[in-house]
Amino acid sequence: MDRRGRGDKARVLVVDDEADIRELLDLTLARMGIAADCAGTVAEAKAHLAREEYSLCLTDMRLPDGEGLEIVRLIGTQYGQTPVAVITAFGSADNAVAALKAGAFDYLAKPVALDQLRTLIKSALNLPRGSVDEGTAPTAGGAAGQLTGESAAIVAVREMIGKLARSQAPVYISGESGSGKELAARLIHAQSARNSAPFVPVNCGAIPENLMESEFFGYRKGAFTGADSDREGFFQAANGGTLFLDEVADLPLHMQVKLLRAIQEKKVRKVGSATEEPVDVRIVSATHRKLKDCVDTGSFRQDLYYRLNVIELKMPALRERQEDVPLLVEASLARICGARPPQLSDDAMSALCRYPYPGNVRELENILERATALCADERVELDDLQLASVGPVEEGNAVSGETLDDHINRVEKQLILDALAKTGFNRTAAARLLGVTFRSLRYRIERLGIEES
């Protein structure tokens, strides 16, 4: 049901024990043409929720008879179509993170900035009003921009994306290279209330360290040699939308400090500027590395980790959902070849279904692109795939007493060694053959302890 309150007019529940805050919020909503009900306690808020339907709830974290988190959880379990935003004391970053983890749509810090309040309200009222699972049905064909497959793992990912799209919380997407992390980030953005604003992807590992601050936050004319005019940064470019920080583990420590402040304060300072400017950006980050391990080794700040990893979305490796391979093959061939894709022989399809894919979906797509270029008579044969030599994952191939992780590492190591041997130990060419990035291949070589001759 569309939670719009009486009639079709949006209605907001304001919960705060300070009368002046309630009055400020009520007046701001009225000027936006939005009706409001006000409550000063958890009990009053529960009574309002029981008899009225709301398009949004704004609640303070500290109330005379309880915590705002109690209201967040209640709305999440009983009034799932009502987004709830919390108001926290200035500098209470831990409270904000706790609220987002509990299911809050967003948060505001006291003293409440009216421009941020209006932006939050508009975003909440623009949320899709259907089921949280809308747009996440299994995709059999695999149109561009969709997560193709019917396995339990990928269905769970699509359902999670539908839920994440209804929040403003920072999302951390984990998973191996080529598993679809950026695609997941784009789908979160596309299904959210921010879908009409920009989605700005940034590869943190590709920006020279001395340019990072100006690239992220922009600069003023004359800030440094060559700054001939004002320039916007990634945060300004993504204002109102989503900023996707790919390979976020590659950020140097000094930049991590500045990113943490920008996320907490929702403000950035251009290089050469004396003032900060507000930005409305949702942060989605990803890396193929284990970010917690980076925290443990000291290369990634723990406080930034907790701000980015409010909600984690785990992308499964292709070997964990190999029943999806035929659907992915069909979808990829349709994208590569159009209306008349070539057919695969039974041997070719069988080999693709057995292959462990260290480069995941990206590697599968690269294999098919190469095979379609090599095949004759519009039919892809086993030899056209040029797969690295690896037998089927069967009981007879496993080493006695070998764990699943050991087996996967052994197969992955052999595939990398085969690719290096084929390319004369040229890492760039080997990475291209395996369908992974050069950085990913280097990381895997170090992790697996591969010695190159």
Protein backbone atom coordinates (compact mmCIF):
# COMPACT_ATOMS: atom_id res chain seq x y z
CA MET A 1 0.00 0.00 0.00
CA ASP A 2 1.20 3.52 -0.75
CA ARG A 3 1.78 5.11 2.64
CA ARG A 4 0.54 8.59 1.79
CA GLY A 5 -1.62 9.43 4.77
CA ARG A 6 -5.10 10.90 4.44
CA GLY A 7 -5.95 11.34 0.77
CA ASP A 8 -3.06 11.49 -1.67
CA LYS A 9 -1.09 14.14 0.22
CA ALA A 10 2.31 13.18 1.62
CA ARG A 11 2.37 13.10 5.41
CA VAL A 12 5.43 13.01 7.68
CA LEU A 13 5.79 11.94 11.30
CA VAL A 14 8.20 14.13 13.32
CA VAL A 15 9.50 12.65 16.58
CA ASP A 16 11.60 14.89 18.86
CA ASP A 17 11.40 15.84 22.53
CA GLU A 18 12.52 19.44 21.85
CA ALA A 19 9.55 21.65 21.02
CA ASP A 20 11.64 24.13 18.98
CA ILE A 21 13.02 21.31 16.77
CA ARG A 22 9.50 19.96 16.21
CA GLU A 23 8.32 23.45 15.30
CA LEU A 24 11.24 23.98 12.88
CA LEU A 25 10.63 20.68 11.12
CA ASP A 26 6.87 21.20 11.02
CA LEU A 27 7.27 24.69 9.53
CA THR A 28 9.79 23.49 6.92
CA LEU A 29 7.46 20.68 5.85
CA ALA A 30 4.48 23.05 5.67
CA ARG A 31 6.42 25.38 3.36
CA MET A 32 7.06 22.36 1.13
CA GLY A 33 3.33 21.62 1.06
CA ILE A 34 3.69 18.55 3.27
CA ALA A 35 1.50 17.80 6.28
CA ALA A 36 3.11 16.65 9.54
CA ASP A 37 2.19 15.02 12.82
CA CYS A 38 4.48 15.61 15.80
CA ALA A 39 5.38 13.38 18.74
CA GLY A 40 7.66 13.96 21.72
CA THR A 41 8.15 10.37 22.89
CA VAL A 42 8.50 6.83 21.58
CA ALA A 43 5.06 6.00 22.95
CA GLU A 44 3.42 8.91 21.12
CA ALA A 45 5.21 7.94 17.91
CA LYS A 46 3.93 4.36 18.17
CA ALA A 47 0.39 5.65 18.67
CA HIS A 48 0.62 7.84 15.54
CA LEU A 49 2.05 4.96 13.49
CA ALA A 50 -0.76 2.66 14.60
CA ARG A 51 -3.51 4.94 13.29
CA GLU A 52 -1.90 6.80 10.36
CA GLU A 53 0.11 6.03 7.24
CA TYR A 54 3.23 8.12 6.64
CA SER A 55 5.45 8.86 3.66
CA LEU A 56 8.43 9.55 5.97
CA CYS A 57 9.37 9.54 9.65
CA LEU A 58 11.97 11.92 11.10
CA THR A 59 13.07 10.92 14.59
CA ASP A 60 15.59 12.11 17.14
CA MET A 61 17.97 9.46 18.48
CA ARG A 62 17.47 10.31 22.16
CA LEU A 63 13.94 10.47 23.53
CA PRO A 64 12.62 10.63 27.11
CA ASP A 65 11.25 7.08 27.11
CA GLY A 66 13.64 5.30 24.77
CA GLU A 67 15.89 5.47 21.72
CA GLY A 68 15.15 6.51 18.16
CA LEU A 69 16.55 3.12 17.09
CA GLU A 70 13.46 1.54 18.64
CA ILE A 71 11.31 3.50 16.18
CA VAL A 72 13.65 2.62 13.28
CA ARG A 73 13.32 -1.09 14.03
CA LEU A 74 9.56 -0.88 14.58
CA ILE A 75 9.02 0.82 11.22
CA GLY A 76 11.33 -1.67 9.52
CA THR A 77 9.36 -4.65 10.77
CA GLN A 78 5.77 -3.33 10.71
CA TYR A 79 5.71 -0.36 8.32
CA GLY A 80 8.27 -1.33 5.70
CA GLN A 81 7.12 1.15 3.07
CA THR A 82 7.81 4.15 5.34
CA PRO A 83 11.40 5.41 5.15
CA VAL A 84 12.76 6.70 8.46
CA ALA A 85 15.57 9.21 8.96
CA VAL A 86 17.26 9.91 12.29
CA ILE A 87 18.51 13.17 13.77
CA THR A 88 21.75 12.79 15.70
CA ALA A 89 23.78 15.06 17.93
CA PHE A 90 26.66 16.85 16.22
CA GLY A 91 29.66 14.54 15.86
CA SER A 92 27.76 11.39 16.85
CA ALA A 93 29.07 9.34 13.95
CA ASP A 94 28.60 6.05 15.80
CA ASN A 95 24.90 6.78 16.32
CA ALA A 96 24.45 7.56 12.62
CA VAL A 97 26.13 4.32 11.58
CA ALA A 98 24.06 2.32 14.09
CA ALA A 99 20.86 3.86 12.71
CA LEU A 100 21.81 3.08 9.11
CA LYS A 101 22.66 -0.50 10.03
CA ALA A 102 19.28 -0.79 11.74
CA GLY A 103 17.55 0.20 8.49
CA ALA A 104 17.33 4.00 8.58
CA PHE A 105 16.99 5.67 5.20
CA ASP A 106 19.41 8.50 6.10
CA TYR A 107 20.48 10.76 8.96
CA LEU A 108 20.84 14.46 9.79
CA ALA A 109 23.18 16.03 12.36
CA LYS A 110 22.13 18.77 14.75
CA PRO A 111 21.95 21.69 14.25
CA VAL A 112 19.74 20.67 11.34
CA ALA A 113 20.73 22.35 8.06
CA LEU A 114 17.53 23.22 6.21
CA ASP A 115 19.01 22.63 2.75
CA GLN A 116 20.06 19.11 3.76
CA LEU A 117 16.65 18.55 5.38
CA ARG A 118 14.78 19.54 2.21
CA THR A 119 17.04 17.32 0.08
CA LEU A 120 16.47 14.35 2.38
CA ILE A 121 12.70 14.84 2.35
CA LYS A 122 12.55 15.07 -1.43
CA SER A 123 14.67 11.93 -1.81
CA ALA A 124 12.50 9.98 0.63
CA LEU A 125 9.27 11.03 -1.07
CA ASN A 126 10.68 10.04 -4.47
CA LEU A 127 11.36 6.45 -3.37
CA PRO A 128 9.51 3.76 -5.34
CA ARG A 129 6.37 2.86 -3.42
CA GLY A 130 6.08 -0.77 -4.54
CA SER A 131 7.55 -3.87 -3.00
CA VAL A 132 11.19 -3.76 -2.00
CA ASP A 133 11.74 -6.63 -4.41
CA GLU A 134 10.41 -4.81 -7.48
CA GLY A 135 12.78 -5.00 -10.43
CA THR A 136 14.66 -7.91 -8.90
CA ALA A 137 12.92 -10.85 -10.54
CA PRO A 138 15.22 -13.50 -12.04
CA THR A 139 16.53 -12.51 -15.44
CA ALA A 140 16.55 -15.45 -17.83
CA GLY A 141 17.72 -13.69 -20.94
CA GLY A 142 20.31 -11.32 -19.57
CA ALA A 143 19.72 -7.93 -21.10
CA ALA A 144 22.57 -5.46 -20.77
CA GLY A 145 22.68 -3.94 -17.32
CA GLN A 146 21.08 -6.91 -15.57
CA LEU A 147 22.42 -9.57 -13.22
CA THR A 148 21.71 -12.70 -15.24
CA GLY A 149 20.97 -16.02 -13.58
CA GLU A 150 18.54 -18.09 -11.58
CA SER A 151 20.87 -19.54 -8.95
CA ALA A 152 20.03 -18.98 -5.30
CA ALA A 153 23.17 -16.83 -4.91
CA ILE A 154 22.31 -14.34 -7.65
CA VAL A 155 18.61 -14.22 -6.73
CA ALA A 156 19.66 -13.26 -3.19
CA VAL A 157 21.90 -10.52 -4.60
CA ARG A 158 19.05 -9.07 -6.67
CA GLU A 159 16.75 -9.09 -3.65
CA MET A 160 19.41 -7.33 -1.56
CA ILE A 161 19.88 -4.69 -4.27
CA GLY A 162 16.15 -3.97 -4.17
CA LYS A 163 16.37 -3.34 -0.42
CA LEU A 164 19.55 -1.27 -0.64
CA ALA A 165 17.96 0.95 -3.27
CA ARG A 166 15.46 2.13 -0.65
CA SER A 167 18.20 3.41 1.67
CA GLN A 168 20.82 6.14 1.58
CA ALA A 169 23.25 4.09 3.66
CA PRO A 170 26.80 3.62 2.34
CA VAL A 171 27.22 0.20 0.73
CA TYR A 172 30.40 -1.83 0.47
CA ILE A 173 30.39 -4.38 -2.37
CA SER A 174 32.87 -7.21 -1.93
CA GLY A 175 33.82 -9.86 -4.43
CA GLU A 176 36.50 -11.02 -6.82
CA SER A 177 37.49 -9.15 -9.97
CA GLY A 178 34.97 -9.63 -12.75
CA SER A 179 32.12 -10.71 -10.46
CA GLY A 180 29.91 -7.72 -11.31
CA LYS A 181 30.57 -5.22 -8.49
CA GLU A 182 30.15 -2.11 -10.65
CA LEU A 183 27.02 -3.54 -12.28
CA ALA A 184 25.53 -4.10 -8.81
CA ALA A 185 26.38 -0.52 -7.85
CA ARG A 186 24.69 0.78 -11.00
CA LEU A 187 21.57 -1.28 -10.27
CA ILE A 188 21.38 0.07 -6.71
CA HIS A 189 21.52 3.59 -8.16
CA ALA A 190 19.05 2.85 -10.98
CA GLN A 191 16.43 1.48 -8.59
CA SER A 192 16.84 4.29 -6.04
CA ALA A 193 15.26 7.71 -5.70
CA ARG A 194 18.58 9.11 -7.02
CA ASN A 195 18.22 7.50 -10.45
CA SER A 196 17.62 10.83 -12.23
CA ALA A 197 20.94 12.21 -10.90
CA PRO A 198 24.44 11.15 -11.98
CA PHE A 199 26.15 7.84 -11.23
CA VAL A 200 29.87 8.65 -11.10
CA PRO A 201 32.29 5.67 -11.09
CA VAL A 202 35.85 6.30 -9.90
CA ASN A 203 38.75 3.84 -10.07
CA CYS A 204 40.71 4.84 -6.97
CA GLY A 205 43.75 2.87 -8.09
CA ALA A 206 44.08 4.79 -11.36
CA ILE A 207 44.46 8.33 -9.96
CA PRO A 208 48.00 9.67 -9.31
CA GLU A 209 48.43 10.31 -5.59
CA ASN A 210 49.36 13.98 -6.04
CA LEU A 211 46.11 14.65 -7.96
CA MET A 212 43.69 12.82 -5.70
CA GLU A 213 42.45 15.74 -3.62
CA SER A 214 41.79 17.97 -6.62
CA GLU A 215 40.13 15.12 -8.54
CA PHE A 216 37.81 14.23 -5.67
CA PHE A 217 36.96 17.70 -4.38
CA GLY A 218 37.76 20.05 -7.28
CA TYR A 219 39.88 23.23 -7.16
CA ARG A 220 39.73 27.00 -7.45
CA LYS A 221 41.39 28.99 -10.18
CA GLY A 222 44.99 29.74 -9.19
CA ALA A 223 45.11 27.05 -6.49
CA PHE A 224 48.25 25.62 -8.09
CA THR A 225 50.26 25.90 -11.29
CA GLY A 226 48.03 24.97 -14.20
CA ALA A 227 44.75 25.70 -12.40
CA ASP A 228 43.53 28.16 -15.02
CA SER A 229 39.86 27.96 -14.03
CA ASP A 230 37.56 26.56 -11.35
CA ARG A 231 36.91 22.85 -11.68
CA GLU A 232 34.40 20.53 -10.05
CA GLY A 233 35.52 17.25 -8.49
CA PHE A 234 33.93 13.81 -8.34
CA PHE A 235 31.81 14.76 -5.33
CA GLN A 236 30.32 17.78 -7.09
CA ALA A 237 29.80 15.79 -10.29
CA ALA A 238 27.83 13.16 -8.33
CA ASN A 239 25.79 15.71 -6.33
CA GLY A 240 22.28 14.35 -5.85
CA GLY A 241 23.37 10.95 -7.14
CA THR A 242 25.78 8.13 -6.36
CA LEU A 243 29.59 8.12 -6.17
CA PHE A 244 31.02 4.65 -6.81
CA LEU A 245 34.52 4.22 -5.40
CA ASP A 246 35.99 1.15 -7.08
CA GLU A 247 39.19 -0.38 -5.65
CA VAL A 248 38.77 1.85 -2.60
CA ALA A 249 41.50 -0.12 -0.78
CA ASP A 250 44.04 1.58 -3.06
CA LEU A 251 43.40 5.02 -1.52
CA PRO A 252 46.49 6.37 0.31
CA LEU A 253 46.07 7.06 4.03
CA HIS A 254 46.13 10.86 3.72
CA MET A 255 43.23 10.70 1.25
CA GLN A 256 41.33 8.32 3.49
CA VAL A 257 41.28 11.00 6.20
CA LYS A 258 39.80 13.58 3.82
CA LEU A 259 37.25 11.10 2.46
CA LEU A 260 36.12 10.23 5.99
CA ARG A 261 35.47 13.88 6.79
CA ALA A 262 33.57 14.43 3.54
CA ILE A 263 31.32 11.45 4.29
CA GLN A 264 30.69 12.44 7.92
CA GLU A 265 30.09 16.14 7.36
CA LYS A 266 28.49 15.87 3.90
CA LYS A 267 30.68 18.80 2.88
CA VAL A 268 33.82 19.19 0.76
CA ARG A 269 36.43 21.90 0.39
CA LYS A 270 37.89 22.60 -3.04
CA VAL A 271 41.67 22.92 -3.23
CA GLY A 272 42.43 26.62 -2.83
CA SER A 273 39.06 27.46 -1.26
CA ALA A 274 38.59 28.86 2.25
CA THR A 275 35.08 27.48 2.67
CA GLU A 276 33.34 24.12 2.54
CA GLU A 277 30.31 23.46 0.36
CA PRO A 278 27.56 20.91 1.06
CA VAL A 279 27.20 17.90 -1.21
CA ASP A 280 24.44 15.30 -1.35
CA VAL A 281 26.16 12.10 -2.43
CA ARG A 282 25.54 8.46 -1.66
CA ILE A 283 28.75 6.46 -1.38
CA VAL A 284 29.00 2.93 -2.79
CA SER A 285 32.47 1.38 -2.63
CA ALA A 286 34.07 -1.85 -3.77
CA THR A 287 37.34 -3.71 -3.93
CA HIS A 288 38.45 -7.21 -4.88
CA ARG A 289 40.71 -7.24 -1.81
CA LYS A 290 39.50 -8.11 1.70
CA LEU A 291 39.09 -4.67 3.22
CA LYS A 292 39.14 -6.01 6.78
CA ASP A 293 42.58 -7.51 6.10
CA CYS A 294 43.75 -4.07 4.95
CA VAL A 295 42.51 -2.63 8.25
CA ASP A 296 44.38 -5.33 10.18
CA THR A 297 47.64 -4.56 8.34
CA GLY A 298 47.25 -0.80 8.87
CA SER A 299 46.90 0.15 5.20
CA PHE A 300 43.24 1.16 5.61
CA ARG A 301 41.74 3.27 8.39
CA GLN A 302 39.40 1.44 10.72
CA ASP A 303 37.07 4.46 11.15
CA LEU A 304 36.69 4.84 7.38
CA TYR A 305 36.09 1.09 7.05
CA TYR A 306 33.14 1.29 9.44
CA ARG A 307 31.69 4.29 7.60
CA LEU A 308 31.94 2.60 4.20
CA ASN A 309 30.94 -0.88 5.34
CA VAL A 310 27.59 0.08 6.86
CA ILE A 311 25.92 -2.57 4.69
CA GLU A 312 27.90 -5.19 2.78
CA LEU A 313 26.78 -6.75 -0.48
CA LYS A 314 28.75 -9.87 -1.35
CA MET A 315 29.01 -10.71 -5.05
CA PRO A 316 29.41 -14.46 -5.59
CA ALA A 317 32.20 -15.81 -7.76
CA LEU A 318 31.03 -17.48 -10.96
CA ARG A 319 32.35 -20.84 -9.76
CA GLU A 320 29.87 -20.52 -6.86
CA ARG A 321 26.93 -20.28 -9.27
CA GLN A 322 28.04 -22.32 -12.26
CA GLU A 323 24.45 -23.37 -12.96
CA ASP A 324 24.07 -19.83 -14.35
CA VAL A 325 26.76 -20.35 -17.01
CA PRO A 326 24.36 -21.43 -19.83
CA LEU A 327 22.18 -18.34 -19.25
CA LEU A 328 25.25 -16.10 -19.13
CA VAL A 329 26.56 -17.65 -22.34
CA GLU A 330 23.24 -17.02 -24.07
CA ALA A 331 23.09 -13.43 -22.85
CA SER A 332 26.72 -12.67 -23.72
CA LEU A 333 26.46 -14.11 -27.23
CA ALA A 334 23.32 -12.06 -27.87
CA ARG A 335 25.17 -8.92 -26.76
CA ILE A 336 28.31 -9.71 -28.79
CA CYS A 337 26.68 -10.97 -31.99
CA GLY A 338 23.21 -9.45 -32.03
CA ALA A 339 20.17 -11.26 -33.37
CA ARG A 340 22.02 -14.25 -34.91
CA PRO A 341 24.58 -15.53 -32.39
CA PRO A 342 26.57 -18.68 -33.22
CA GLN A 343 25.65 -22.03 -31.69
CA LEU A 344 27.92 -23.82 -29.21
CA SER A 345 28.78 -27.48 -29.63
CA ASP A 346 27.94 -29.80 -26.73
CA ASP A 347 31.66 -30.20 -25.95
CA ALA A 348 32.15 -26.43 -25.87
CA MET A 349 29.19 -25.83 -23.55
CA SER A 350 30.25 -28.70 -21.29
CA ALA A 351 33.76 -27.24 -21.03
CA LEU A 352 32.38 -23.80 -20.18
CA CYS A 353 30.21 -25.29 -17.45
CA ARG A 354 33.25 -27.03 -15.88
CA TYR A 355 35.73 -24.17 -16.14
CA PRO A 356 36.53 -22.49 -12.75
CA TYR A 357 36.69 -18.86 -14.09
CA PRO A 358 39.34 -17.11 -11.98
CA GLY A 359 38.27 -13.93 -13.85
CA ASN A 360 34.56 -14.60 -13.24
CA VAL A 361 31.86 -13.21 -15.57
CA ARG A 362 34.31 -10.82 -17.22
CA GLU A 363 36.53 -13.74 -18.18
CA LEU A 364 33.55 -15.68 -19.58
CA GLU A 365 32.66 -12.70 -21.77
CA ASN A 366 36.26 -12.41 -22.99
CA ILE A 367 36.37 -16.14 -23.79
CA LEU A 368 33.17 -15.85 -25.86
CA GLU A 369 34.34 -12.74 -27.70
CA ARG A 370 37.53 -14.55 -28.69
CA ALA A 371 35.66 -17.72 -29.63
CA THR A 372 33.16 -15.93 -31.88
CA ALA A 373 36.03 -14.31 -33.72
CA LEU A 374 37.74 -17.68 -34.30
CA CYS A 375 34.79 -19.97 -34.99
CA ALA A 376 33.79 -21.14 -38.47
CA ASP A 377 30.33 -21.83 -39.93
CA GLU A 378 28.65 -19.93 -37.07
CA ARG A 379 29.39 -22.74 -34.63
CA VAL A 380 31.71 -22.50 -31.63
CA GLU A 381 33.74 -25.66 -31.06
CA LEU A 382 35.80 -26.63 -28.02
CA ASP A 383 39.09 -25.55 -29.64
CA ASP A 384 37.67 -22.07 -30.37
CA LEU A 385 37.36 -21.41 -26.63
CA GLN A 386 41.12 -21.73 -26.05
CA LEU A 387 40.55 -22.52 -22.38
CA ALA A 388 43.54 -22.99 -20.11
CA SER A 389 43.98 -26.72 -19.52
CA VAL A 390 41.97 -27.75 -16.51
CA GLY A 391 40.03 -30.91 -15.92
CA PRO A 392 36.51 -31.15 -14.57
CA VAL A 393 36.06 -30.46 -10.87
CA GLU A 394 35.33 -34.03 -9.85
CA GLU A 395 36.24 -36.24 -6.95
CA GLY A 396 39.04 -37.88 -8.92
CA ASN A 397 40.77 -34.56 -9.50
CA ALA A 398 40.93 -33.55 -5.86
CA VAL A 399 44.00 -34.20 -3.74
CA SER A 400 43.29 -36.44 -0.77
CA GLY A 401 42.38 -34.36 2.29
CA GLU A 402 42.34 -31.15 0.26
CA THR A 403 39.89 -28.45 1.39
CA LEU A 404 37.69 -26.55 -1.06
CA ASP A 405 39.82 -23.41 -0.66
CA ASP A 406 43.02 -25.38 -1.23
CA HIS A 407 41.54 -26.97 -4.36
CA ILE A 408 40.39 -23.61 -5.76
CA ASN A 409 43.78 -22.02 -5.01
CA ARG A 410 45.58 -24.92 -6.71
CA VAL A 411 43.42 -24.65 -9.83
CA GLU A 412 43.75 -20.86 -9.90
CA LYS A 413 47.53 -21.08 -9.53
CA GLN A 414 47.77 -23.55 -12.40
CA LEU A 415 45.62 -21.36 -14.65
CA ILE A 416 47.83 -18.35 -13.94
CA LEU A 417 51.01 -20.36 -14.58
CA ASP A 418 49.56 -21.65 -17.87
CA ALA A 419 48.66 -18.10 -18.94
CA LEU A 420 52.11 -16.79 -18.00
CA ALA A 421 53.77 -19.62 -19.92
CA LYS A 422 51.63 -18.95 -23.02
CA THR A 423 52.54 -15.24 -22.96
CA GLY A 424 56.25 -15.63 -22.24
CA PHE A 425 55.62 -14.44 -18.66
CA ASN A 426 54.27 -11.11 -19.88
CA ARG A 427 51.92 -10.15 -17.02
CA THR A 428 49.93 -7.66 -19.07
CA ALA A 429 49.23 -10.21 -21.81
CA ALA A 430 48.51 -12.92 -19.23
CA ALA A 431 45.98 -10.70 -17.46
CA ARG A 432 44.26 -10.03 -20.79
CA LEU A 433 44.17 -13.78 -21.55
CA LEU A 434 42.66 -14.55 -18.13
CA GLY A 435 40.14 -11.73 -18.38
CA VAL A 436 41.32 -9.91 -15.24
CA THR A 437 42.98 -6.57 -14.61
CA PHE A 438 46.76 -6.28 -14.38
CA ARG A 439 46.40 -5.17 -10.74
CA SER A 440 44.22 -8.19 -9.96
CA LEU A 441 46.70 -10.59 -11.56
CA ARG A 442 49.58 -9.05 -9.61
CA TYR A 443 47.61 -9.42 -6.36
CA ARG A 444 46.80 -13.09 -7.15
CA ILE A 445 50.44 -13.85 -8.01
CA GLU A 446 51.55 -12.40 -4.66
CA ARG A 447 48.76 -14.14 -2.70
CA LEU A 448 49.43 -17.54 -4.26
CA GLY A 449 53.22 -17.21 -3.95
CA ILE A 450 53.83 -17.77 -7.67
CA GLU A 451 57.48 -17.47 -8.69
CA GLU A 452 58.01 -16.42 -12.29
CA SER A 453 60.96 -17.77 -14.24
